[in-house]
Amino acid sequence: MSFLNDLLGAAQGNQAGGSNLVAIAGQLIDKAGGVQGLVSMLQQHGLGDAVQSWVGTGVNQQVSSDQLGQALQNGGLGSVLQEAASKLGVDQGQLLGQLSQVLPHAVDHLTPDGQVPAQGQGGFDLGSLASLAGKLFGGSAA
């Protein structure tokens, strides 16, 4: 995970930066209408195979920051990306580079049985991602 740690920058610290990234992933999921909404939107915008691997129980397929950025922009989440990049003090390309590493883990974490929760069932809760930052970026395990 040193690649992610380098991108986050020493000023933020690994745990805090990781929490910020996980929170941004959570915000994207929330704005897309939950896990089902995000999965559907990314599938519609060219990331179907990759997203299916994130949901499934196998290895998560990688996506490039450009692929993710295009899918999120086309899915109407460009303003969320812009606001998040501004808050973190990074350009949108850097943020997408980080999110292309974190978002697959977030979706995978929220679909532990390899199934996307049905709309309206098991509503998305940002707290359910809280332990993910610790797993991805170190720190004490909860």
N, C-alpha and C. Protein backbone atom coordinates (compact mmCIF):
# COMPACT_ATOMS: atom_id res chain seq x y z
N MET A 1 0.81 -1.20 0.00
CA MET A 1 0.00 0.00 0.00
C MET A 1 0.85 1.27 0.00
N SER A 2 2.16 1.15 -0.18
CA SER A 2 3.00 2.34 -0.14
C SER A 2 2.63 3.31 -1.26
N PHE A 3 2.17 2.81 -2.38
CA PHE A 3 1.72 3.68 -3.47
C PHE A 3 0.62 4.62 -2.99
N LEU A 4 -0.37 4.06 -2.30
CA LEU A 4 -1.46 4.88 -1.77
C LEU A 4 -0.94 5.85 -0.71
N ASN A 5 -0.07 5.34 0.14
CA ASN A 5 0.47 6.20 1.19
C ASN A 5 1.23 7.37 0.60
N ASP A 6 2.01 7.12 -0.44
CA ASP A 6 2.74 8.20 -1.10
C ASP A 6 1.78 9.23 -1.69
N LEU A 7 0.71 8.75 -2.31
CA LEU A 7 -0.26 9.67 -2.90
C LEU A 7 -0.96 10.53 -1.85
N LEU A 8 -1.19 9.95 -0.70
CA LEU A 8 -1.89 10.69 0.34
C LEU A 8 -1.04 11.80 0.92
N GLY A 9 0.26 11.63 0.88
CA GLY A 9 1.14 12.67 1.38
C GLY A 9 1.35 12.57 2.87
N ALA A 10 2.56 12.85 3.27
CA ALA A 10 2.92 12.72 4.68
C ALA A 10 2.17 13.72 5.56
N ALA A 11 1.80 14.85 5.01
CA ALA A 11 1.14 15.89 5.81
C ALA A 11 -0.20 15.41 6.38
N GLN A 12 -0.89 14.57 5.63
CA GLN A 12 -2.20 14.11 6.10
C GLN A 12 -2.09 12.95 7.07
N GLY A 13 -1.04 12.17 6.95
CA GLY A 13 -0.92 10.96 7.77
C GLY A 13 -1.75 9.86 7.14
N ASN A 14 -1.28 8.64 7.24
CA ASN A 14 -1.93 7.52 6.54
C ASN A 14 -3.36 7.29 6.99
N GLN A 15 -3.58 7.21 8.29
CA GLN A 15 -4.91 6.88 8.80
C GLN A 15 -5.91 7.98 8.44
N ALA A 16 -5.54 9.24 8.68
CA ALA A 16 -6.45 10.35 8.39
C ALA A 16 -6.73 10.46 6.90
N GLY A 17 -5.68 10.35 6.09
CA GLY A 17 -5.86 10.42 4.64
C GLY A 17 -6.71 9.27 4.14
N GLY A 18 -6.46 8.08 4.68
CA GLY A 18 -7.25 6.92 4.30
C GLY A 18 -8.70 7.08 4.69
N SER A 19 -8.94 7.62 5.87
CA SER A 19 -10.32 7.87 6.29
C SER A 19 -11.00 8.85 5.36
N ASN A 20 -10.27 9.88 4.93
CA ASN A 20 -10.83 10.84 3.98
C ASN A 20 -11.21 10.16 2.68
N LEU A 21 -10.33 9.31 2.17
CA LEU A 21 -10.61 8.62 0.91
C LEU A 21 -11.80 7.69 1.04
N VAL A 22 -11.87 6.97 2.14
CA VAL A 22 -13.00 6.07 2.35
C VAL A 22 -14.28 6.87 2.49
N ALA A 23 -14.21 8.03 3.15
CA ALA A 23 -15.39 8.89 3.27
C ALA A 23 -15.83 9.39 1.89
N ILE A 24 -14.88 9.72 1.03
CA ILE A 24 -15.22 10.18 -0.32
C ILE A 24 -15.84 9.03 -1.12
N ALA A 25 -15.28 7.84 -0.98
CA ALA A 25 -15.88 6.67 -1.64
C ALA A 25 -17.31 6.49 -1.15
N GLY A 26 -17.51 6.63 0.16
CA GLY A 26 -18.85 6.53 0.73
C GLY A 26 -19.78 7.58 0.20
N GLN A 27 -19.26 8.80 0.03
CA GLN A 27 -20.09 9.89 -0.50
C GLN A 27 -20.49 9.59 -1.95
N LEU A 28 -19.57 9.06 -2.74
CA LEU A 28 -19.90 8.70 -4.12
C LEU A 28 -20.98 7.62 -4.16
N ILE A 29 -20.83 6.63 -3.28
CA ILE A 29 -21.82 5.55 -3.22
C ILE A 29 -23.18 6.12 -2.82
N ASP A 30 -23.17 6.99 -1.83
CA ASP A 30 -24.42 7.60 -1.35
C ASP A 30 -25.08 8.43 -2.45
N LYS A 31 -24.32 9.28 -3.11
CA LYS A 31 -24.87 10.16 -4.16
C LYS A 31 -25.37 9.37 -5.37
N ALA A 32 -24.79 8.19 -5.58
CA ALA A 32 -25.21 7.36 -6.71
C ALA A 32 -26.47 6.57 -6.39
N GLY A 33 -26.92 6.62 -5.14
CA GLY A 33 -28.13 5.88 -4.76
C GLY A 33 -27.81 4.56 -4.08
N GLY A 34 -26.69 4.49 -3.40
CA GLY A 34 -26.30 3.27 -2.71
C GLY A 34 -25.43 2.40 -3.58
N VAL A 35 -25.08 1.24 -3.05
CA VAL A 35 -24.20 0.33 -3.77
C VAL A 35 -24.83 -0.07 -5.10
N GLN A 36 -26.12 -0.38 -5.08
CA GLN A 36 -26.79 -0.79 -6.31
C GLN A 36 -26.74 0.33 -7.36
N GLY A 37 -26.96 1.55 -6.93
CA GLY A 37 -26.93 2.68 -7.85
C GLY A 37 -25.55 2.90 -8.45
N LEU A 38 -24.51 2.82 -7.61
CA LEU A 38 -23.15 3.02 -8.11
C LEU A 38 -22.77 1.90 -9.07
N VAL A 39 -23.05 0.67 -8.70
CA VAL A 39 -22.72 -0.47 -9.55
C VAL A 39 -23.42 -0.33 -10.90
N SER A 40 -24.70 -0.01 -10.87
CA SER A 40 -25.47 0.15 -12.10
C SER A 40 -24.90 1.28 -12.97
N MET A 41 -24.59 2.40 -12.34
CA MET A 41 -24.07 3.56 -13.07
C MET A 41 -22.71 3.24 -13.70
N LEU A 42 -21.83 2.60 -12.95
CA LEU A 42 -20.51 2.26 -13.50
C LEU A 42 -20.62 1.23 -14.62
N GLN A 43 -21.57 0.30 -14.49
CA GLN A 43 -21.78 -0.69 -15.55
C GLN A 43 -22.27 0.01 -16.82
N GLN A 44 -23.16 0.97 -16.68
CA GLN A 44 -23.70 1.69 -17.83
C GLN A 44 -22.64 2.52 -18.54
N HIS A 45 -21.58 2.86 -17.82
CA HIS A 45 -20.57 3.75 -18.39
C HIS A 45 -19.24 3.04 -18.62
N GLY A 46 -19.32 1.73 -18.96
CA GLY A 46 -18.16 1.02 -19.46
C GLY A 46 -17.31 0.23 -18.50
N LEU A 47 -17.69 0.16 -17.23
CA LEU A 47 -16.87 -0.57 -16.26
C LEU A 47 -17.55 -1.85 -15.76
N GLY A 48 -18.41 -2.43 -16.58
CA GLY A 48 -19.21 -3.58 -16.17
C GLY A 48 -18.41 -4.75 -15.64
N ASP A 49 -17.40 -5.20 -16.40
CA ASP A 49 -16.62 -6.36 -15.96
C ASP A 49 -15.86 -6.06 -14.68
N ALA A 50 -15.27 -4.88 -14.61
CA ALA A 50 -14.50 -4.51 -13.42
C ALA A 50 -15.40 -4.46 -12.19
N VAL A 51 -16.54 -3.79 -12.33
CA VAL A 51 -17.46 -3.64 -11.19
C VAL A 51 -17.98 -4.99 -10.75
N GLN A 52 -18.26 -5.87 -11.69
CA GLN A 52 -18.74 -7.20 -11.33
C GLN A 52 -17.69 -7.95 -10.51
N SER A 53 -16.41 -7.72 -10.83
CA SER A 53 -15.35 -8.37 -10.05
C SER A 53 -15.27 -7.80 -8.63
N TRP A 54 -15.61 -6.52 -8.47
CA TRP A 54 -15.59 -5.91 -7.13
C TRP A 54 -16.70 -6.50 -6.27
N VAL A 55 -17.85 -6.74 -6.90
CA VAL A 55 -19.00 -7.30 -6.17
C VAL A 55 -18.77 -8.77 -5.87
N GLY A 56 -18.23 -9.48 -6.82
CA GLY A 56 -18.01 -10.92 -6.66
C GLY A 56 -17.01 -11.24 -5.57
N THR A 57 -16.80 -12.51 -5.35
CA THR A 57 -15.94 -12.94 -4.26
C THR A 57 -14.51 -13.20 -4.69
N GLY A 58 -14.19 -13.00 -5.97
CA GLY A 58 -12.83 -13.21 -6.47
C GLY A 58 -11.98 -11.95 -6.34
N VAL A 59 -10.93 -11.92 -7.13
CA VAL A 59 -9.99 -10.80 -7.13
C VAL A 59 -10.63 -9.58 -7.80
N ASN A 60 -10.41 -8.40 -7.21
CA ASN A 60 -10.94 -7.16 -7.77
C ASN A 60 -10.12 -6.74 -8.98
N GLN A 61 -10.82 -6.53 -10.10
CA GLN A 61 -10.17 -6.05 -11.32
C GLN A 61 -9.84 -4.58 -11.16
N GLN A 62 -8.65 -4.20 -11.61
CA GLN A 62 -8.20 -2.81 -11.53
C GLN A 62 -8.86 -1.97 -12.62
N VAL A 63 -9.06 -0.70 -12.32
CA VAL A 63 -9.48 0.27 -13.33
C VAL A 63 -8.51 1.44 -13.26
N SER A 64 -8.31 2.09 -14.37
CA SER A 64 -7.42 3.25 -14.37
C SER A 64 -8.17 4.47 -13.83
N SER A 65 -7.41 5.45 -13.42
CA SER A 65 -8.04 6.67 -12.93
C SER A 65 -8.83 7.35 -14.05
N ASP A 66 -8.34 7.25 -15.28
CA ASP A 66 -9.05 7.84 -16.42
C ASP A 66 -10.39 7.14 -16.66
N GLN A 67 -10.38 5.80 -16.60
CA GLN A 67 -11.62 5.04 -16.79
C GLN A 67 -12.63 5.40 -15.70
N LEU A 68 -12.17 5.42 -14.46
CA LEU A 68 -13.06 5.72 -13.34
C LEU A 68 -13.58 7.15 -13.45
N GLY A 69 -12.70 8.07 -13.76
CA GLY A 69 -13.10 9.48 -13.88
C GLY A 69 -14.15 9.68 -14.95
N GLN A 70 -13.95 9.05 -16.09
CA GLN A 70 -14.92 9.19 -17.18
C GLN A 70 -16.27 8.60 -16.78
N ALA A 71 -16.26 7.43 -16.15
CA ALA A 71 -17.52 6.79 -15.75
C ALA A 71 -18.24 7.63 -14.69
N LEU A 72 -17.50 8.15 -13.72
CA LEU A 72 -18.14 8.97 -12.68
C LEU A 72 -18.65 10.29 -13.23
N GLN A 73 -17.88 10.92 -14.11
CA GLN A 73 -18.32 12.17 -14.74
C GLN A 73 -19.59 11.92 -15.57
N ASN A 74 -19.56 10.89 -16.39
CA ASN A 74 -20.71 10.58 -17.25
C ASN A 74 -21.92 10.17 -16.42
N GLY A 75 -21.67 9.66 -15.23
CA GLY A 75 -22.75 9.25 -14.34
C GLY A 75 -23.28 10.39 -13.48
N GLY A 76 -22.76 11.60 -13.68
CA GLY A 76 -23.28 12.77 -12.98
C GLY A 76 -22.63 13.05 -11.63
N LEU A 77 -21.49 12.44 -11.36
CA LEU A 77 -20.84 12.64 -10.06
C LEU A 77 -19.61 13.54 -10.13
N GLY A 78 -19.47 14.25 -11.23
CA GLY A 78 -18.32 15.14 -11.40
C GLY A 78 -18.21 16.21 -10.33
N SER A 79 -19.34 16.75 -9.90
CA SER A 79 -19.30 17.80 -8.88
C SER A 79 -18.82 17.25 -7.54
N VAL A 80 -19.16 16.01 -7.23
CA VAL A 80 -18.69 15.37 -5.99
C VAL A 80 -17.17 15.24 -6.04
N LEU A 81 -16.64 14.81 -7.20
CA LEU A 81 -15.20 14.67 -7.36
C LEU A 81 -14.49 16.01 -7.22
N GLN A 82 -15.06 17.02 -7.85
CA GLN A 82 -14.45 18.35 -7.81
C GLN A 82 -14.40 18.89 -6.39
N GLU A 83 -15.50 18.75 -5.68
CA GLU A 83 -15.57 19.23 -4.30
C GLU A 83 -14.60 18.47 -3.40
N ALA A 84 -14.53 17.15 -3.57
CA ALA A 84 -13.63 16.33 -2.75
C ALA A 84 -12.17 16.68 -3.02
N ALA A 85 -11.81 16.85 -4.28
CA ALA A 85 -10.43 17.20 -4.62
C ALA A 85 -10.06 18.54 -4.00
N SER A 86 -10.99 19.47 -4.05
CA SER A 86 -10.76 20.80 -3.47
C SER A 86 -10.55 20.70 -1.96
N LYS A 87 -11.38 19.92 -1.29
CA LYS A 87 -11.26 19.76 0.17
C LYS A 87 -9.93 19.13 0.57
N LEU A 88 -9.46 18.18 -0.24
CA LEU A 88 -8.21 17.49 0.07
C LEU A 88 -6.98 18.27 -0.41
N GLY A 89 -7.21 19.29 -1.22
CA GLY A 89 -6.10 20.08 -1.73
C GLY A 89 -5.27 19.35 -2.79
N VAL A 90 -5.93 18.49 -3.56
CA VAL A 90 -5.26 17.78 -4.65
C VAL A 90 -6.02 18.03 -5.93
N ASP A 91 -5.36 17.77 -7.07
CA ASP A 91 -6.14 17.93 -8.31
C ASP A 91 -6.98 16.68 -8.52
N GLN A 92 -7.94 16.80 -9.40
CA GLN A 92 -8.91 15.73 -9.59
C GLN A 92 -8.24 14.45 -10.11
N GLY A 93 -7.19 14.61 -10.90
CA GLY A 93 -6.46 13.44 -11.40
C GLY A 93 -5.83 12.64 -10.27
N GLN A 94 -5.23 13.35 -9.30
CA GLN A 94 -4.65 12.66 -8.14
C GLN A 94 -5.73 11.95 -7.34
N LEU A 95 -6.84 12.63 -7.13
CA LEU A 95 -7.94 12.03 -6.37
C LEU A 95 -8.44 10.77 -7.07
N LEU A 96 -8.61 10.84 -8.38
CA LEU A 96 -9.08 9.67 -9.13
C LEU A 96 -8.08 8.53 -9.07
N GLY A 97 -6.80 8.85 -9.05
CA GLY A 97 -5.78 7.82 -8.90
C GLY A 97 -5.94 7.08 -7.58
N GLN A 98 -6.23 7.84 -6.53
CA GLN A 98 -6.44 7.24 -5.22
C GLN A 98 -7.75 6.47 -5.17
N LEU A 99 -8.80 7.07 -5.70
CA LEU A 99 -10.11 6.41 -5.69
C LEU A 99 -10.13 5.14 -6.53
N SER A 100 -9.34 5.10 -7.60
CA SER A 100 -9.31 3.89 -8.42
C SER A 100 -8.72 2.72 -7.64
N GLN A 101 -7.99 3.01 -6.57
CA GLN A 101 -7.46 1.97 -5.69
C GLN A 101 -8.44 1.65 -4.54
N VAL A 102 -9.13 2.66 -4.04
CA VAL A 102 -9.97 2.50 -2.85
C VAL A 102 -11.40 2.05 -3.18
N LEU A 103 -12.00 2.60 -4.23
CA LEU A 103 -13.40 2.31 -4.54
C LEU A 103 -13.65 0.81 -4.77
N PRO A 104 -12.77 0.09 -5.47
CA PRO A 104 -13.02 -1.35 -5.60
C PRO A 104 -13.09 -2.06 -4.24
N HIS A 105 -12.22 -1.65 -3.31
CA HIS A 105 -12.25 -2.25 -1.97
C HIS A 105 -13.53 -1.89 -1.23
N ALA A 106 -13.99 -0.65 -1.42
CA ALA A 106 -15.22 -0.21 -0.73
C ALA A 106 -16.42 -1.02 -1.23
N VAL A 107 -16.55 -1.16 -2.54
CA VAL A 107 -17.67 -1.94 -3.09
C VAL A 107 -17.55 -3.39 -2.64
N ASP A 108 -16.34 -3.93 -2.69
CA ASP A 108 -16.11 -5.31 -2.26
C ASP A 108 -16.50 -5.49 -0.80
N HIS A 109 -16.12 -4.52 0.03
CA HIS A 109 -16.41 -4.56 1.47
C HIS A 109 -17.92 -4.53 1.74
N LEU A 110 -18.65 -3.79 0.91
CA LEU A 110 -20.10 -3.63 1.10
C LEU A 110 -20.92 -4.75 0.45
N THR A 111 -20.23 -5.65 -0.26
CA THR A 111 -20.91 -6.78 -0.89
C THR A 111 -20.19 -8.08 -0.51
N PRO A 112 -20.10 -8.38 0.78
CA PRO A 112 -19.27 -9.51 1.24
C PRO A 112 -19.74 -10.87 0.73
N ASP A 113 -21.00 -11.00 0.39
CA ASP A 113 -21.52 -12.28 -0.09
C ASP A 113 -21.55 -12.36 -1.60
N GLY A 114 -20.94 -11.37 -2.27
CA GLY A 114 -20.93 -11.37 -3.73
C GLY A 114 -22.24 -10.94 -4.35
N GLN A 115 -23.09 -10.29 -3.55
CA GLN A 115 -24.39 -9.82 -4.04
C GLN A 115 -24.57 -8.35 -3.71
N VAL A 116 -25.11 -7.60 -4.66
CA VAL A 116 -25.43 -6.20 -4.40
C VAL A 116 -26.73 -6.17 -3.62
N PRO A 117 -26.78 -5.43 -2.50
CA PRO A 117 -28.04 -5.35 -1.75
C PRO A 117 -29.14 -4.75 -2.63
N ALA A 118 -30.33 -5.29 -2.53
CA ALA A 118 -31.46 -4.78 -3.30
C ALA A 118 -31.77 -3.35 -2.87
N GLN A 119 -32.28 -2.57 -3.80
CA GLN A 119 -32.64 -1.18 -3.51
C GLN A 119 -33.59 -1.15 -2.31
N GLY A 120 -33.25 -0.31 -1.33
CA GLY A 120 -34.12 -0.16 -0.17
C GLY A 120 -33.85 -1.18 0.93
N GLN A 121 -33.00 -2.18 0.66
CA GLN A 121 -32.67 -3.16 1.68
C GLN A 121 -31.26 -2.90 2.18
N GLY A 122 -31.08 -2.98 3.47
CA GLY A 122 -29.75 -2.77 4.04
C GLY A 122 -29.17 -1.46 3.60
N GLY A 123 -29.88 -0.38 3.87
CA GLY A 123 -29.46 0.95 3.44
C GLY A 123 -28.00 1.21 3.68
N PHE A 124 -27.39 1.99 2.83
CA PHE A 124 -25.97 2.29 2.93
C PHE A 124 -25.69 3.10 4.18
N ASP A 125 -24.67 2.68 4.90
CA ASP A 125 -24.27 3.34 6.14
C ASP A 125 -22.77 3.57 6.06
N LEU A 126 -22.34 4.83 6.09
CA LEU A 126 -20.93 5.15 6.01
C LEU A 126 -20.14 4.45 7.10
N GLY A 127 -20.77 4.23 8.24
CA GLY A 127 -20.10 3.53 9.33
C GLY A 127 -19.66 2.13 8.94
N SER A 128 -20.36 1.53 7.98
CA SER A 128 -19.99 0.18 7.56
C SER A 128 -18.66 0.18 6.81
N LEU A 129 -18.19 1.35 6.39
CA LEU A 129 -16.89 1.46 5.74
C LEU A 129 -15.78 1.87 6.71
N ALA A 130 -16.14 2.17 7.95
CA ALA A 130 -15.15 2.71 8.90
C ALA A 130 -13.96 1.78 9.07
N SER A 131 -14.19 0.49 9.16
CA SER A 131 -13.08 -0.44 9.36
C SER A 131 -12.20 -0.59 8.13
N LEU A 132 -12.71 -0.19 6.98
CA LEU A 132 -11.95 -0.34 5.75
C LEU A 132 -10.69 0.53 5.75
N ALA A 133 -10.77 1.74 6.26
CA ALA A 133 -9.60 2.62 6.29
C ALA A 133 -8.47 1.98 7.08
N GLY A 134 -8.80 1.37 8.20
CA GLY A 134 -7.78 0.71 9.00
C GLY A 134 -7.14 -0.46 8.27
N LYS A 135 -7.95 -1.22 7.53
CA LYS A 135 -7.43 -2.36 6.78
C LYS A 135 -6.50 -1.91 5.66
N LEU A 136 -6.90 -0.85 4.96
CA LEU A 136 -6.16 -0.40 3.79
C LEU A 136 -4.94 0.43 4.15
N PHE A 137 -5.03 1.21 5.21
CA PHE A 137 -3.99 2.20 5.47
C PHE A 137 -3.27 2.00 6.79
N GLY A 138 -3.47 0.85 7.42
CA GLY A 138 -2.76 0.57 8.68
C GLY A 138 -3.44 1.19 9.86
N GLY A 139 -2.78 1.19 10.95
CA GLY A 139 -3.38 1.70 12.18
C GLY A 139 -3.92 0.53 12.99
N SER A 140 -4.48 0.83 14.13
CA SER A 140 -4.94 -0.24 15.00
C SER A 140 -6.23 -0.85 14.46
N ALA A 141 -6.29 -2.15 14.51
CA ALA A 141 -7.50 -2.84 14.07
C ALA A 141 -8.58 -2.71 15.11
N ALA A 142 -9.80 -2.51 14.66
CA ALA A 142 -10.90 -2.32 15.60
C ALA A 142 -11.38 -3.65 16.11
